[in-house]
N, C-alpha and C. Protein backbone atom coordinates (compact mmCIF):
# COMPACT_ATOMS: atom_id res chain seq x y z
N UNK A 1 -10.75 -12.52 -21.71
CA UNK A 1 -10.61 -12.16 -20.32
C UNK A 1 -9.18 -11.73 -20.04
N UNK A 2 -9.04 -10.72 -19.23
CA UNK A 2 -7.71 -10.23 -18.89
C UNK A 2 -7.21 -10.90 -17.61
N UNK A 3 -5.90 -11.05 -17.56
CA UNK A 3 -5.28 -11.62 -16.37
C UNK A 3 -5.11 -10.51 -15.35
N UNK A 4 -5.53 -10.76 -14.13
CA UNK A 4 -5.46 -9.73 -13.09
C UNK A 4 -4.04 -9.63 -12.53
N UNK A 5 -3.49 -8.42 -12.53
CA UNK A 5 -2.16 -8.19 -11.98
C UNK A 5 -2.23 -8.01 -10.48
N UNK A 6 -1.20 -8.49 -9.81
CA UNK A 6 -1.11 -8.27 -8.36
C UNK A 6 -0.53 -6.88 -8.16
N UNK A 7 -1.19 -6.04 -7.37
CA UNK A 7 -0.69 -4.70 -7.07
C UNK A 7 -0.75 -4.45 -5.58
N UNK A 8 0.18 -3.60 -5.14
CA UNK A 8 0.26 -3.21 -3.73
C UNK A 8 0.47 -1.71 -3.66
N UNK A 9 -0.23 -1.04 -2.75
CA UNK A 9 -0.08 0.39 -2.54
C UNK A 9 0.72 0.65 -1.27
N UNK A 10 1.60 1.66 -1.33
CA UNK A 10 2.39 2.04 -0.15
C UNK A 10 2.61 3.55 -0.20
N UNK A 11 2.89 4.14 0.96
CA UNK A 11 3.20 5.56 1.01
C UNK A 11 4.49 5.78 1.78
N UNK A 12 5.21 6.82 1.38
CA UNK A 12 6.40 7.22 2.09
C UNK A 12 6.30 8.70 2.41
N UNK A 13 6.75 9.10 3.58
CA UNK A 13 6.71 10.51 3.98
C UNK A 13 8.07 10.94 4.49
N UNK A 14 8.46 12.16 4.15
CA UNK A 14 9.70 12.75 4.65
C UNK A 14 9.50 14.24 4.70
N UNK A 15 9.65 14.85 5.88
CA UNK A 15 9.39 16.28 6.09
C UNK A 15 7.99 16.59 5.57
N UNK A 16 7.85 17.43 4.54
CA UNK A 16 6.51 17.73 4.02
C UNK A 16 6.23 17.01 2.72
N UNK A 17 7.12 16.13 2.29
CA UNK A 17 6.95 15.39 1.04
C UNK A 17 6.17 14.10 1.28
N UNK A 18 5.33 13.77 0.31
CA UNK A 18 4.57 12.53 0.36
C UNK A 18 4.72 11.82 -0.98
N UNK A 19 4.99 10.52 -0.95
CA UNK A 19 5.09 9.72 -2.17
C UNK A 19 4.11 8.57 -2.08
N UNK A 20 3.26 8.45 -3.10
CA UNK A 20 2.34 7.32 -3.19
C UNK A 20 2.93 6.34 -4.20
N UNK A 21 3.10 5.11 -3.80
CA UNK A 21 3.80 4.12 -4.61
C UNK A 21 2.86 2.96 -4.92
N UNK A 22 2.84 2.55 -6.22
CA UNK A 22 2.09 1.38 -6.65
C UNK A 22 3.10 0.37 -7.18
N UNK A 23 3.18 -0.78 -6.52
CA UNK A 23 4.07 -1.86 -6.95
C UNK A 23 3.19 -2.93 -7.59
N UNK A 24 3.49 -3.29 -8.85
CA UNK A 24 2.70 -4.30 -9.56
C UNK A 24 3.62 -5.23 -10.34
N UNK A 25 3.04 -6.34 -10.81
CA UNK A 25 3.81 -7.28 -11.64
C UNK A 25 4.33 -6.57 -12.88
N UNK A 26 5.56 -6.89 -13.29
CA UNK A 26 6.12 -6.25 -14.47
C UNK A 26 7.53 -6.70 -14.78
N UNK A 27 8.30 -5.79 -15.43
CA UNK A 27 9.65 -6.12 -15.88
C UNK A 27 10.75 -5.29 -15.23
N UNK A 28 10.47 -4.59 -14.15
CA UNK A 28 11.52 -3.84 -13.47
C UNK A 28 11.60 -2.38 -13.87
N UNK A 29 10.48 -1.77 -14.25
CA UNK A 29 10.47 -0.36 -14.64
C UNK A 29 10.04 0.50 -13.46
N UNK A 30 10.63 1.70 -13.37
CA UNK A 30 10.25 2.67 -12.33
C UNK A 30 9.89 3.97 -13.03
N UNK A 31 8.73 4.55 -12.67
CA UNK A 31 8.33 5.85 -13.21
C UNK A 31 7.94 6.74 -12.03
N UNK A 32 8.44 7.97 -12.06
CA UNK A 32 8.13 8.94 -11.02
C UNK A 32 7.40 10.10 -11.67
N UNK A 33 6.18 10.35 -11.23
CA UNK A 33 5.32 11.37 -11.84
C UNK A 33 5.28 11.19 -13.37
N UNK A 34 5.13 9.95 -13.82
CA UNK A 34 5.07 9.55 -15.23
C UNK A 34 6.33 9.88 -16.01
N UNK A 35 7.47 9.95 -15.35
CA UNK A 35 8.77 10.17 -16.00
C UNK A 35 9.66 8.97 -15.66
N UNK A 36 10.31 8.35 -16.65
CA UNK A 36 11.20 7.22 -16.35
C UNK A 36 12.32 7.65 -15.40
N UNK A 37 12.76 6.72 -14.57
CA UNK A 37 13.75 7.01 -13.52
C UNK A 37 15.05 7.55 -14.08
N UNK A 38 15.46 7.10 -15.27
CA UNK A 38 16.76 7.55 -15.79
C UNK A 38 16.75 8.99 -16.27
N UNK A 39 15.58 9.64 -16.33
CA UNK A 39 15.50 11.06 -16.71
C UNK A 39 15.39 11.99 -15.50
N UNK A 40 15.36 11.43 -14.31
CA UNK A 40 15.22 12.24 -13.09
C UNK A 40 16.54 12.93 -12.77
N UNK A 41 16.46 14.23 -12.47
CA UNK A 41 17.62 14.99 -12.01
C UNK A 41 17.24 15.61 -10.67
N UNK A 42 18.17 15.90 -9.80
CA UNK A 42 19.61 15.71 -9.84
C UNK A 42 20.01 14.25 -9.63
N UNK A 43 21.25 13.95 -9.93
CA UNK A 43 21.80 12.60 -9.87
C UNK A 43 21.66 11.99 -8.48
N UNK A 44 21.96 12.76 -7.44
CA UNK A 44 21.91 12.23 -6.07
C UNK A 44 20.49 11.80 -5.69
N UNK A 45 19.48 12.55 -6.13
CA UNK A 45 18.10 12.18 -5.84
C UNK A 45 17.75 10.87 -6.53
N UNK A 46 18.18 10.72 -7.78
CA UNK A 46 17.92 9.49 -8.53
C UNK A 46 18.57 8.30 -7.85
N UNK A 47 19.83 8.47 -7.40
CA UNK A 47 20.54 7.37 -6.73
C UNK A 47 19.85 6.99 -5.42
N UNK A 48 19.34 7.97 -4.70
CA UNK A 48 18.65 7.73 -3.44
C UNK A 48 17.41 6.88 -3.68
N UNK A 49 16.68 7.18 -4.76
CA UNK A 49 15.45 6.45 -5.07
C UNK A 49 15.79 5.01 -5.51
N UNK A 50 16.77 4.86 -6.38
CA UNK A 50 17.14 3.55 -6.92
C UNK A 50 17.71 2.64 -5.83
N UNK A 51 18.30 3.23 -4.80
CA UNK A 51 18.94 2.49 -3.72
C UNK A 51 18.00 1.41 -3.14
N UNK A 52 16.76 1.79 -2.86
CA UNK A 52 15.80 0.84 -2.28
C UNK A 52 15.48 -0.28 -3.27
N UNK A 53 15.47 0.05 -4.55
CA UNK A 53 15.17 -0.93 -5.60
C UNK A 53 16.33 -1.92 -5.76
N UNK A 54 17.57 -1.42 -5.67
CA UNK A 54 18.74 -2.27 -5.86
C UNK A 54 18.92 -3.29 -4.73
N UNK A 55 18.56 -2.91 -3.53
CA UNK A 55 18.70 -3.82 -2.39
C UNK A 55 17.76 -5.02 -2.54
N UNK A 56 16.65 -4.84 -3.27
CA UNK A 56 15.65 -5.90 -3.41
C UNK A 56 16.19 -7.15 -4.11
N UNK A 57 17.28 -7.02 -4.84
CA UNK A 57 17.93 -8.19 -5.45
C UNK A 57 17.09 -8.86 -6.52
N UNK A 58 16.75 -10.14 -6.32
CA UNK A 58 16.05 -10.95 -7.33
C UNK A 58 14.66 -10.42 -7.65
N UNK A 59 14.03 -9.75 -6.71
CA UNK A 59 12.65 -9.29 -6.91
C UNK A 59 12.56 -8.13 -7.91
N UNK A 60 13.68 -7.47 -8.19
CA UNK A 60 13.69 -6.29 -9.08
C UNK A 60 13.08 -6.58 -10.44
N UNK A 61 13.39 -7.74 -11.01
CA UNK A 61 12.98 -8.06 -12.38
C UNK A 61 11.49 -8.38 -12.47
N UNK A 62 10.84 -8.58 -11.35
CA UNK A 62 9.44 -9.03 -11.37
C UNK A 62 8.41 -7.92 -11.16
N UNK A 63 8.86 -6.70 -10.86
CA UNK A 63 7.89 -5.64 -10.49
C UNK A 63 8.07 -4.37 -11.32
N UNK A 64 6.97 -3.67 -11.50
CA UNK A 64 6.97 -2.30 -12.04
C UNK A 64 6.53 -1.39 -10.91
N UNK A 65 7.13 -0.20 -10.84
CA UNK A 65 6.82 0.73 -9.76
C UNK A 65 6.40 2.08 -10.34
N UNK A 66 5.23 2.55 -9.91
CA UNK A 66 4.72 3.88 -10.27
C UNK A 66 4.73 4.72 -9.00
N UNK A 67 5.34 5.92 -9.08
CA UNK A 67 5.43 6.79 -7.91
C UNK A 67 4.85 8.15 -8.25
N UNK A 68 4.03 8.68 -7.35
CA UNK A 68 3.55 10.05 -7.49
C UNK A 68 3.98 10.80 -6.23
N UNK A 69 4.74 11.88 -6.41
CA UNK A 69 5.23 12.65 -5.27
C UNK A 69 4.71 14.07 -5.32
N UNK A 70 4.58 14.66 -4.14
CA UNK A 70 4.24 16.08 -4.06
C UNK A 70 4.68 16.63 -2.72
N UNK A 71 4.86 17.94 -2.67
CA UNK A 71 5.25 18.63 -1.44
C UNK A 71 6.74 18.58 -1.20
N UNK A 72 7.24 19.55 -0.46
CA UNK A 72 8.65 19.55 -0.08
C UNK A 72 9.59 19.82 -1.23
N UNK A 73 10.86 19.47 -1.02
CA UNK A 73 11.90 19.71 -2.02
C UNK A 73 12.29 18.43 -2.75
N UNK A 74 13.29 18.54 -3.58
CA UNK A 74 13.72 17.42 -4.42
C UNK A 74 14.21 16.25 -3.58
N UNK A 75 15.10 16.50 -2.61
CA UNK A 75 15.64 15.41 -1.80
C UNK A 75 14.60 14.84 -0.84
N UNK A 76 13.71 15.68 -0.33
CA UNK A 76 12.63 15.19 0.52
C UNK A 76 11.73 14.24 -0.26
N UNK A 77 11.41 14.60 -1.50
CA UNK A 77 10.59 13.73 -2.35
C UNK A 77 11.32 12.44 -2.66
N UNK A 78 12.64 12.54 -2.89
CA UNK A 78 13.44 11.35 -3.20
C UNK A 78 13.43 10.39 -2.01
N UNK A 79 13.60 10.91 -0.81
CA UNK A 79 13.61 10.05 0.37
C UNK A 79 12.23 9.47 0.66
N UNK A 80 11.17 10.24 0.37
CA UNK A 80 9.82 9.72 0.53
C UNK A 80 9.56 8.59 -0.47
N UNK A 81 10.03 8.76 -1.71
CA UNK A 81 9.87 7.72 -2.73
C UNK A 81 10.65 6.47 -2.35
N UNK A 82 11.84 6.67 -1.82
CA UNK A 82 12.71 5.56 -1.37
C UNK A 82 11.99 4.74 -0.30
N UNK A 83 11.39 5.43 0.66
CA UNK A 83 10.67 4.75 1.72
C UNK A 83 9.45 4.01 1.17
N UNK A 84 8.74 4.66 0.25
CA UNK A 84 7.56 4.02 -0.35
C UNK A 84 7.92 2.77 -1.13
N UNK A 85 9.03 2.82 -1.88
CA UNK A 85 9.48 1.65 -2.64
C UNK A 85 9.81 0.50 -1.69
N UNK A 86 10.56 0.80 -0.64
CA UNK A 86 10.95 -0.25 0.31
C UNK A 86 9.72 -0.88 0.97
N UNK A 87 8.80 -0.06 1.41
CA UNK A 87 7.60 -0.58 2.06
C UNK A 87 6.75 -1.37 1.07
N UNK A 88 6.63 -0.86 -0.16
CA UNK A 88 5.87 -1.56 -1.19
C UNK A 88 6.46 -2.90 -1.55
N UNK A 89 7.79 -2.96 -1.66
CA UNK A 89 8.45 -4.23 -2.00
C UNK A 89 8.26 -5.27 -0.89
N UNK A 90 8.33 -4.83 0.36
CA UNK A 90 8.13 -5.75 1.48
C UNK A 90 6.70 -6.27 1.48
N UNK A 91 5.72 -5.38 1.23
CA UNK A 91 4.32 -5.81 1.17
C UNK A 91 4.07 -6.75 0.00
N UNK A 92 4.64 -6.42 -1.15
CA UNK A 92 4.43 -7.19 -2.37
C UNK A 92 4.99 -8.60 -2.25
N UNK A 93 6.22 -8.71 -1.72
CA UNK A 93 6.90 -10.00 -1.66
C UNK A 93 6.55 -10.81 -0.41
N UNK A 94 6.11 -10.13 0.64
CA UNK A 94 5.83 -10.75 1.95
C UNK A 94 7.05 -11.51 2.47
N UNK A 95 8.23 -10.96 2.20
CA UNK A 95 9.48 -11.62 2.55
C UNK A 95 10.08 -11.02 3.82
N UNK A 96 10.27 -11.85 4.84
CA UNK A 96 10.89 -11.39 6.08
C UNK A 96 12.39 -11.13 5.86
N UNK A 97 12.99 -11.90 4.94
CA UNK A 97 14.42 -11.73 4.65
C UNK A 97 14.69 -10.37 3.99
N UNK A 98 13.80 -9.96 3.07
CA UNK A 98 13.94 -8.65 2.42
C UNK A 98 13.75 -7.53 3.44
N UNK A 99 12.77 -7.69 4.33
CA UNK A 99 12.53 -6.69 5.37
C UNK A 99 13.76 -6.54 6.27
N UNK A 100 14.35 -7.67 6.66
CA UNK A 100 15.56 -7.64 7.49
C UNK A 100 16.72 -6.98 6.76
N UNK A 101 16.80 -7.21 5.45
CA UNK A 101 17.85 -6.62 4.63
C UNK A 101 17.73 -5.09 4.61
N UNK A 102 16.49 -4.60 4.45
CA UNK A 102 16.25 -3.14 4.46
C UNK A 102 16.60 -2.54 5.82
N UNK A 103 16.17 -3.19 6.89
CA UNK A 103 16.41 -2.67 8.23
C UNK A 103 17.91 -2.65 8.55
N UNK A 104 18.61 -3.69 8.12
CA UNK A 104 20.05 -3.74 8.36
C UNK A 104 20.78 -2.64 7.59
N UNK A 105 20.34 -2.37 6.35
CA UNK A 105 20.99 -1.35 5.52
C UNK A 105 20.71 0.05 6.05
N UNK A 106 19.43 0.38 6.22
CA UNK A 106 19.04 1.71 6.72
C UNK A 106 17.61 1.62 7.24
N UNK A 107 17.45 1.77 8.54
CA UNK A 107 16.15 1.60 9.18
C UNK A 107 15.11 2.61 8.67
N UNK A 108 15.53 3.80 8.24
CA UNK A 108 14.58 4.82 7.80
C UNK A 108 13.86 4.44 6.51
N UNK A 109 14.33 3.39 5.83
CA UNK A 109 13.62 2.92 4.63
C UNK A 109 12.25 2.38 4.99
N UNK A 110 12.12 1.78 6.15
CA UNK A 110 10.83 1.21 6.56
C UNK A 110 10.17 1.99 7.68
N UNK A 111 10.96 2.49 8.62
CA UNK A 111 10.40 3.11 9.82
C UNK A 111 10.07 4.58 9.63
N UNK A 112 10.86 5.30 8.86
CA UNK A 112 10.60 6.72 8.65
C UNK A 112 11.22 7.60 9.71
N UNK A 113 11.19 8.88 9.46
CA UNK A 113 11.77 9.87 10.34
C UNK A 113 10.65 10.81 10.77
N UNK A 114 10.32 10.82 12.04
CA UNK A 114 9.15 11.55 12.53
C UNK A 114 9.37 13.05 12.66
N UNK A 115 10.60 13.53 12.45
CA UNK A 115 10.86 14.96 12.66
C UNK A 115 10.09 15.82 11.66
N UNK A 116 9.47 16.86 12.16
CA UNK A 116 8.74 17.82 11.33
C UNK A 116 9.12 19.22 11.78
N UNK A 117 8.71 20.23 11.00
CA UNK A 117 8.98 21.62 11.33
C UNK A 117 8.18 22.02 12.57
N UNK A 118 8.85 22.72 13.48
CA UNK A 118 8.19 23.17 14.70
C UNK A 118 7.30 24.36 14.39
N UNK A 119 6.15 24.44 15.05
CA UNK A 119 5.19 25.51 14.82
C UNK A 119 5.72 26.84 15.35
N UNK A 120 5.37 27.93 14.66
CA UNK A 120 5.77 29.28 15.08
C UNK A 120 4.99 29.67 16.33
N UNK A 121 5.68 30.35 17.26
CA UNK A 121 5.03 30.85 18.46
C UNK A 121 4.97 32.38 18.41
N UNK A 122 4.19 32.97 19.31
CA UNK A 122 4.06 34.42 19.37
C UNK A 122 5.34 35.05 19.93
N UNK A 123 5.52 36.33 19.68
CA UNK A 123 6.64 37.07 20.27
C UNK A 123 7.92 37.02 19.46
N UNK A 124 7.86 36.51 18.25
CA UNK A 124 9.07 36.44 17.44
C UNK A 124 8.77 35.99 16.03
N UNK A 125 9.78 36.03 15.17
CA UNK A 125 9.58 35.70 13.76
C UNK A 125 9.59 34.20 13.45
N UNK A 126 10.04 33.36 14.38
CA UNK A 126 10.10 31.92 14.10
C UNK A 126 9.74 31.13 15.35
N UNK A 127 9.98 29.83 15.33
CA UNK A 127 9.54 28.94 16.41
C UNK A 127 10.21 29.25 17.74
N UNK A 128 11.51 29.53 17.73
CA UNK A 128 12.25 29.73 18.98
C UNK A 128 12.74 31.16 19.18
N UNK A 129 13.04 31.84 18.07
CA UNK A 129 13.63 33.17 18.18
C UNK A 129 12.62 34.20 18.71
N UNK A 130 13.10 35.08 19.55
CA UNK A 130 12.24 36.15 20.09
C UNK A 130 12.80 37.50 19.66
N UNK A 131 11.96 38.53 19.81
CA UNK A 131 12.44 39.89 19.48
C UNK A 131 13.50 40.30 20.50
N UNK A 132 14.54 40.97 19.99
CA UNK A 132 15.59 41.44 20.89
C UNK A 132 15.06 42.57 21.76
N UNK A 133 15.62 42.67 22.97
CA UNK A 133 15.26 43.80 23.81
C UNK A 133 16.51 44.32 24.48
N UNK A 134 16.57 45.61 24.65
CA UNK A 134 17.71 46.18 25.38
C UNK A 134 17.14 47.01 26.52
N UNK A 135 17.79 46.98 27.65
CA UNK A 135 17.27 47.67 28.83
C UNK A 135 18.00 48.98 29.06
N UNK A 136 18.65 49.55 28.06
CA UNK A 136 19.39 50.79 28.27
C UNK A 136 18.72 51.97 27.63
């Protein structure tokens, strides 16, 4: 008989990027789209993702994290993954102290940023810009 692992699912969203995160019992490994975290480029995106993991402190050694991202750009995906990790760790540990730590550090790790691209309107090439007109 196999021992059942505890797993938690979480999602993070940023602009048009979506990250699905699975937090399970393990040894502290992170994989993004089946690639180990230390192979992710650019450096700033990797640091942004690891940031949420580092704040977790003692809980880091007890969990493995699998992330699947799609949509948007590199930094949008990184921020979505960061949010998913933070939410997953809070769900997994059920720790109010960890939640408070995340909120104190950066509220967008748990709450998210609701800003999205504005829809295009008629009469111009973008959401706000209109065609120029001259009356001469």
